[in-house]
Amino acid sequence: IELDNYKKAKPFLIDDFHNLCGYCGKRFDVTLTDSQIEHFIPKKKFPQFKHDYKNLILCCPTCNNKKHEDWPSNDASRNITLDGKQGYIDPATEEYDRNIVRTENGRIVGITEVGEYMVERLDFKNRPIQECFRAQELSLLIENLKKSNKKNKKMVELLLELESIRRSLFLRRER
């Protein structure tokens, strides 16, 4: 996609990222959080990538603020690592999944040193990542129950749990 202004890319990014934060996987329609456009390669340090669609990531405000303009070198390579220990992997690449994984209970962990660096920089350990993941699971279960037209006690329980998680996330705003 050719752009004269990166802000025009948001509808395409929402589609390409399936309405999920590229870094933490938060589903915006479930967590009721607004999505933002993040420049993977920082636009201030490398203005030539400001309107490059391949450089844009749909992300949540927290991930955007945590990464911000951080970049470990003066190299504008897409997947940058410094001495194999620190750096960033573009979440729109398969390489991201070889460095960072989500556990069964929804935690996000680094499985390489670069993955651990990103987990630390994006502060995944101290954020309600697992709650967001559970809210997404509940939302999918509720959607499936609605499709089956089985409005029962279980659906009411799931809706109540989802609302409880949403209230918790709202009251506990990420920093």
C-alpha atoms as a PDB file:
ATOM      1  CA  ILE A   1       0.000   0.000   0.000  1.00  0.00           C
ATOM      2  CA  GLU A   2       1.414   3.360  -0.990  1.00  0.00           C
ATOM      3  CA  LEU A   3       0.627   6.163   1.414  1.00  0.00           C
ATOM      4  CA  ASP A   4       1.141   9.889   1.445  1.00  0.00           C
ATOM      5  CA  ASN A   5       0.209   9.853   5.146  1.00  0.00           C
ATOM      6  CA  TYR A   6       0.562   6.849   7.466  1.00  0.00           C
ATOM      7  CA  LYS A   7      -2.659   7.750   9.336  1.00  0.00           C
ATOM      8  CA  LYS A   8      -4.660   6.641   6.283  1.00  0.00           C
ATOM      9  CA  ALA A   9      -3.404   3.084   6.851  1.00  0.00           C
ATOM     10  CA  LYS A  10      -5.450   2.356   9.973  1.00  0.00           C
ATOM     11  CA  PRO A  11      -8.392   0.551   8.280  1.00  0.00           C
ATOM     12  CA  PHE A  12      -5.925  -1.656   6.387  1.00  0.00           C
ATOM     13  CA  LEU A  13      -3.914  -2.342   9.548  1.00  0.00           C
ATOM     14  CA  ILE A  14      -7.075  -3.295  11.455  1.00  0.00           C
ATOM     15  CA  ASP A  15      -7.801  -5.821   8.713  1.00  0.00           C
ATOM     16  CA  ASP A  16      -4.226  -7.099   8.372  1.00  0.00           C
ATOM     17  CA  PHE A  17      -3.738  -7.465  12.146  1.00  0.00           C
ATOM     18  CA  HIS A  18      -7.269  -8.906  12.636  1.00  0.00           C
ATOM     19  CA  ASN A  19      -8.066  -6.093  15.084  1.00  0.00           C
ATOM     20  CA  LEU A  20      -5.314  -7.312  17.452  1.00  0.00           C
ATOM     21  CA  CYS A  21      -2.344  -5.502  18.963  1.00  0.00           C
ATOM     22  CA  GLY A  22       0.663  -6.669  16.954  1.00  0.00           C
ATOM     23  CA  TYR A  23       2.800  -6.988  20.066  1.00  0.00           C
ATOM     24  CA  CYS A  24       0.592  -8.284  22.905  1.00  0.00           C
ATOM     25  CA  GLY A  25      -2.297  -9.746  20.885  1.00  0.00           C
ATOM     26  CA  LYS A  26      -4.987  -7.747  22.683  1.00  0.00           C
ATOM     27  CA  ARG A  27      -8.294  -7.868  20.739  1.00  0.00           C
ATOM     28  CA  PHE A  28      -9.620  -4.313  20.653  1.00  0.00           C
ATOM     29  CA  ASP A  29     -13.295  -5.200  20.358  1.00  0.00           C
ATOM     30  CA  VAL A  30     -13.044  -7.380  23.480  1.00  0.00           C
ATOM     31  CA  THR A  31     -10.944  -5.173  25.752  1.00  0.00           C
ATOM     32  CA  LEU A  32     -12.644  -1.976  24.573  1.00  0.00           C
ATOM     33  CA  THR A  33      -9.251  -0.344  24.050  1.00  0.00           C
ATOM     34  CA  ASP A  34      -8.513   1.959  21.122  1.00  0.00           C
ATOM     35  CA  SER A  35      -5.914   0.831  18.618  1.00  0.00           C
ATOM     36  CA  GLN A  36      -3.016   3.017  17.549  1.00  0.00           C
ATOM     37  CA  ILE A  37      -0.490   3.023  14.723  1.00  0.00           C
ATOM     38  CA  GLU A  38       3.049   2.308  15.859  1.00  0.00           C
ATOM     39  CA  HIS A  39       6.152   2.772  13.724  1.00  0.00           C
ATOM     40  CA  PHE A  40       8.221  -0.369  14.168  1.00  0.00           C
ATOM     41  CA  ILE A  41      11.344   1.447  13.003  1.00  0.00           C
ATOM     42  CA  PRO A  42      11.038   4.779  14.874  1.00  0.00           C
ATOM     43  CA  LYS A  43       9.938   7.624  12.627  1.00  0.00           C
ATOM     44  CA  LYS A  44      11.946  10.260  14.504  1.00  0.00           C
ATOM     45  CA  LYS A  45      15.200   8.369  14.158  1.00  0.00           C
ATOM     46  CA  PHE A  46      14.461   7.153  10.599  1.00  0.00           C
ATOM     47  CA  PRO A  47      11.990   9.583   8.961  1.00  0.00           C
ATOM     48  CA  GLN A  48      12.308   7.796   5.606  1.00  0.00           C
ATOM     49  CA  PHE A  49      10.055   5.022   7.016  1.00  0.00           C
ATOM     50  CA  LYS A  50       7.322   7.312   8.366  1.00  0.00           C
ATOM     51  CA  HIS A  51       4.794   6.500   5.614  1.00  0.00           C
ATOM     52  CA  ASP A  52       6.070   3.015   4.708  1.00  0.00           C
ATOM     53  CA  TYR A  53       3.159   0.597   5.245  1.00  0.00           C
ATOM     54  CA  LYS A  54       5.530  -2.298   5.987  1.00  0.00           C
ATOM     55  CA  ASN A  55       6.822  -0.282   8.955  1.00  0.00           C
ATOM     56  CA  LEU A  56       3.397   0.216  10.561  1.00  0.00           C
ATOM     57  CA  ILE A  57       2.051  -1.945  13.381  1.00  0.00           C
ATOM     58  CA  LEU A  58      -1.465  -1.871  14.795  1.00  0.00           C
ATOM     59  CA  CYS A  59      -0.989  -1.812  18.542  1.00  0.00           C
ATOM     60  CA  CYS A  60      -2.515  -0.899  21.868  1.00  0.00           C
ATOM     61  CA  PRO A  61      -1.614   2.403  23.550  1.00  0.00           C
ATOM     62  CA  THR A  62       0.420   0.609  26.226  1.00  0.00           C
ATOM     63  CA  CYS A  63       2.650  -1.254  23.758  1.00  0.00           C
ATOM     64  CA  ASN A  64       3.020   1.923  21.707  1.00  0.00           C
ATOM     65  CA  ASN A  65       4.112   3.896  24.779  1.00  0.00           C
ATOM     66  CA  LYS A  66       6.439   1.158  26.049  1.00  0.00           C
ATOM     67  CA  LYS A  67       8.311   0.745  22.750  1.00  0.00           C
ATOM     68  CA  HIS A  68       7.900   4.349  21.583  1.00  0.00           C
ATOM     69  CA  GLU A  69      11.132   5.518  19.953  1.00  0.00           C
ATOM     70  CA  ASP A  70      13.315   2.807  21.467  1.00  0.00           C
ATOM     71  CA  TRP A  71      15.742   1.300  18.977  1.00  0.00           C
ATOM     72  CA  PRO A  72      19.028  -0.314  19.997  1.00  0.00           C
ATOM     73  CA  SER A  73      21.230   1.074  17.220  1.00  0.00           C
ATOM     74  CA  ASN A  74      21.568   3.440  14.287  1.00  0.00           C
ATOM     75  CA  ASP A  75      20.750   0.583  11.903  1.00  0.00           C
ATOM     76  CA  ALA A  76      17.286   0.659  10.315  1.00  0.00           C
ATOM     77  CA  SER A  77      17.118  -3.070   9.569  1.00  0.00           C
ATOM     78  CA  ARG A  78      13.610  -4.557   9.914  1.00  0.00           C
ATOM     79  CA  ASN A  79      14.470  -7.156  12.534  1.00  0.00           C
ATOM     80  CA  ILE A  80      17.202  -5.561  14.538  1.00  0.00           C
ATOM     81  CA  THR A  81      19.154  -7.341  17.213  1.00  0.00           C
ATOM     82  CA  LEU A  82      22.271  -6.108  18.883  1.00  0.00           C
ATOM     83  CA  ASP A  83      24.741  -8.907  19.664  1.00  0.00           C
ATOM     84  CA  GLY A  84      21.832 -11.369  19.597  1.00  0.00           C
ATOM     85  CA  LYS A  85      20.666 -10.218  23.029  1.00  0.00           C
ATOM     86  CA  GLN A  86      18.658  -7.061  22.635  1.00  0.00           C
ATOM     87  CA  GLY A  87      16.555  -5.578  19.883  1.00  0.00           C
ATOM     88  CA  TYR A  88      13.180  -5.895  18.219  1.00  0.00           C
ATOM     89  CA  ILE A  89      11.534  -8.417  15.946  1.00  0.00           C
ATOM     90  CA  ASP A  90       8.757  -7.183  13.680  1.00  0.00           C
ATOM     91  CA  PRO A  91       5.516  -8.805  14.933  1.00  0.00           C
ATOM     92  CA  ALA A  92       4.289  -9.084  11.343  1.00  0.00           C
ATOM     93  CA  THR A  93       6.993 -11.661  10.607  1.00  0.00           C
ATOM     94  CA  GLU A  94       7.270 -15.379  11.367  1.00  0.00           C
ATOM     95  CA  GLU A  95      10.511 -14.627  13.185  1.00  0.00           C
ATOM     96  CA  TYR A  96       8.482 -12.951  15.960  1.00  0.00           C
ATOM     97  CA  ASP A  97       6.909 -16.321  16.826  1.00  0.00           C
ATOM     98  CA  ARG A  98      10.357 -17.900  17.041  1.00  0.00           C
ATOM     99  CA  ASN A  99      11.322 -15.402  19.758  1.00  0.00           C
ATOM    100  CA  ILE A 100       8.112 -14.805  21.719  1.00  0.00           C
ATOM    101  CA  VAL A 101       5.295 -17.237  22.541  1.00  0.00           C
ATOM    102  CA  ARG A 102       2.010 -17.207  24.435  1.00  0.00           C
ATOM    103  CA  THR A 103       1.602 -19.909  27.055  1.00  0.00           C
ATOM    104  CA  GLU A 104      -1.561 -21.956  27.533  1.00  0.00           C
ATOM    105  CA  ASN A 105      -2.768 -19.615  30.276  1.00  0.00           C
ATOM    106  CA  GLY A 106      -2.127 -16.501  28.180  1.00  0.00           C
ATOM    107  CA  ARG A 107       1.243 -15.291  29.495  1.00  0.00           C
ATOM    108  CA  ILE A 108       3.674 -13.915  26.917  1.00  0.00           C
ATOM    109  CA  VAL A 109       7.251 -15.132  27.329  1.00  0.00           C
ATOM    110  CA  GLY A 110      10.503 -14.705  25.474  1.00  0.00           C
ATOM    111  CA  ILE A 111      12.101 -17.940  24.318  1.00  0.00           C
ATOM    112  CA  THR A 112      15.293 -16.302  23.077  1.00  0.00           C
ATOM    113  CA  GLU A 113      17.402 -13.510  24.545  1.00  0.00           C
ATOM    114  CA  VAL A 114      15.914 -11.038  22.057  1.00  0.00           C
ATOM    115  CA  GLY A 115      12.429 -12.298  22.935  1.00  0.00           C
ATOM    116  CA  GLU A 116      13.180 -11.791  26.623  1.00  0.00           C
ATOM    117  CA  TYR A 117      14.457  -8.281  25.844  1.00  0.00           C
ATOM    118  CA  MET A 118      11.171  -7.434  24.109  1.00  0.00           C
ATOM    119  CA  VAL A 119       9.067  -8.967  26.913  1.00  0.00           C
ATOM    120  CA  GLU A 120      11.006  -6.807  29.368  1.00  0.00           C
ATOM    121  CA  ARG A 121      10.824  -3.595  27.285  1.00  0.00           C
ATOM    122  CA  LEU A 122       7.089  -4.036  26.596  1.00  0.00           C
ATOM    123  CA  ASP A 123       6.580  -4.938  30.285  1.00  0.00           C
ATOM    124  CA  PHE A 124       4.435  -7.997  29.557  1.00  0.00           C
ATOM    125  CA  LYS A 125       5.110  -9.476  33.021  1.00  0.00           C
ATOM    126  CA  ASN A 126       3.490  -6.553  34.855  1.00  0.00           C
ATOM    127  CA  ARG A 127       0.499  -5.969  32.591  1.00  0.00           C
ATOM    128  CA  PRO A 128      -2.901  -7.700  32.617  1.00  0.00           C
ATOM    129  CA  ILE A 129      -1.956  -9.826  29.605  1.00  0.00           C
ATOM    130  CA  GLN A 130      -3.539 -12.994  31.018  1.00  0.00           C
ATOM    131  CA  GLU A 131      -6.784 -11.177  31.838  1.00  0.00           C
ATOM    132  CA  CYS A 132      -6.993  -9.843  28.283  1.00  0.00           C
ATOM    133  CA  PHE A 133      -6.358 -13.339  26.945  1.00  0.00           C
ATOM    134  CA  ARG A 134      -9.107 -14.790  29.168  1.00  0.00           C
ATOM    135  CA  ALA A 135     -11.516 -12.036  28.083  1.00  0.00           C
ATOM    136  CA  GLN A 136     -10.828 -13.001  24.463  1.00  0.00           C
ATOM    137  CA  GLU A 137     -11.436 -16.690  25.196  1.00  0.00           C
ATOM    138  CA  LEU A 138     -14.710 -15.853  26.953  1.00  0.00           C
ATOM    139  CA  SER A 139     -15.799 -13.635  24.094  1.00  0.00           C
ATOM    140  CA  LEU A 140     -15.252 -16.466  21.592  1.00  0.00           C
ATOM    141  CA  LEU A 141     -17.185 -18.913  23.776  1.00  0.00           C
ATOM    142  CA  ILE A 142     -20.051 -16.437  24.052  1.00  0.00           C
ATOM    143  CA  GLU A 143     -20.053 -15.864  20.274  1.00  0.00           C
ATOM    144  CA  ASN A 144     -20.246 -19.633  19.694  1.00  0.00           C
ATOM    145  CA  LEU A 145     -23.104 -19.985  22.191  1.00  0.00           C
ATOM    146  CA  LYS A 146     -24.987 -17.162  20.476  1.00  0.00           C
ATOM    147  CA  LYS A 147     -24.589 -18.864  17.105  1.00  0.00           C
ATOM    148  CA  SER A 148     -25.983 -22.080  18.523  1.00  0.00           C
ATOM    149  CA  ASN A 149     -28.986 -20.204  19.944  1.00  0.00           C
ATOM    150  CA  LYS A 150     -28.423 -21.908  23.292  1.00  0.00           C
ATOM    151  CA  LYS A 151     -28.973 -19.112  25.766  1.00  0.00           C
ATOM    152  CA  ASN A 152     -28.511 -20.928  29.003  1.00  0.00           C
ATOM    153  CA  LYS A 153     -27.039 -20.663  32.474  1.00  0.00           C
ATOM    154  CA  LYS A 154     -23.506 -21.243  31.134  1.00  0.00           C
ATOM    155  CA  MET A 155     -23.810 -18.287  28.761  1.00  0.00           C
ATOM    156  CA  VAL A 156     -24.962 -16.030  31.593  1.00  0.00           C
ATOM    157  CA  GLU A 157     -21.994 -17.173  33.720  1.00  0.00           C
ATOM    158  CA  LEU A 158     -19.552 -16.458  30.864  1.00  0.00           C
ATOM    159  CA  LEU A 159     -21.064 -13.020  30.241  1.00  0.00           C
ATOM    160  CA  LEU A 160     -20.765 -12.163  33.931  1.00  0.00           C
ATOM    161  CA  GLU A 161     -17.134 -13.323  34.035  1.00  0.00           C
ATOM    162  CA  LEU A 162     -16.331 -11.320  30.886  1.00  0.00           C
ATOM    163  CA  GLU A 163     -17.927  -8.180  32.342  1.00  0.00           C
ATOM    164  CA  SER A 164     -15.987  -8.685  35.568  1.00  0.00           C
ATOM    165  CA  ILE A 165     -12.707  -8.911  33.633  1.00  0.00           C
ATOM    166  CA  ARG A 166     -13.584  -5.827  31.580  1.00  0.00           C
ATOM    167  CA  ARG A 167     -14.335  -3.838  34.758  1.00  0.00           C
ATOM    168  CA  SER A 168     -11.060  -5.038  36.257  1.00  0.00           C
ATOM    169  CA  LEU A 169      -9.145  -3.955  33.154  1.00  0.00           C
ATOM    170  CA  PHE A 170     -10.895  -0.577  33.133  1.00  0.00           C
ATOM    171  CA  LEU A 171     -10.158   0.055  36.799  1.00  0.00           C
ATOM    172  CA  ARG A 172      -6.595  -1.215  36.487  1.00  0.00           C
ATOM    173  CA  ARG A 173      -5.651   0.827  33.413  1.00  0.00           C
ATOM    174  CA  GLU A 174      -2.284  -0.245  32.051  1.00  0.00           C
ATOM    175  CA  ARG A 175       0.650   2.074  32.503  1.00  0.00           C
END
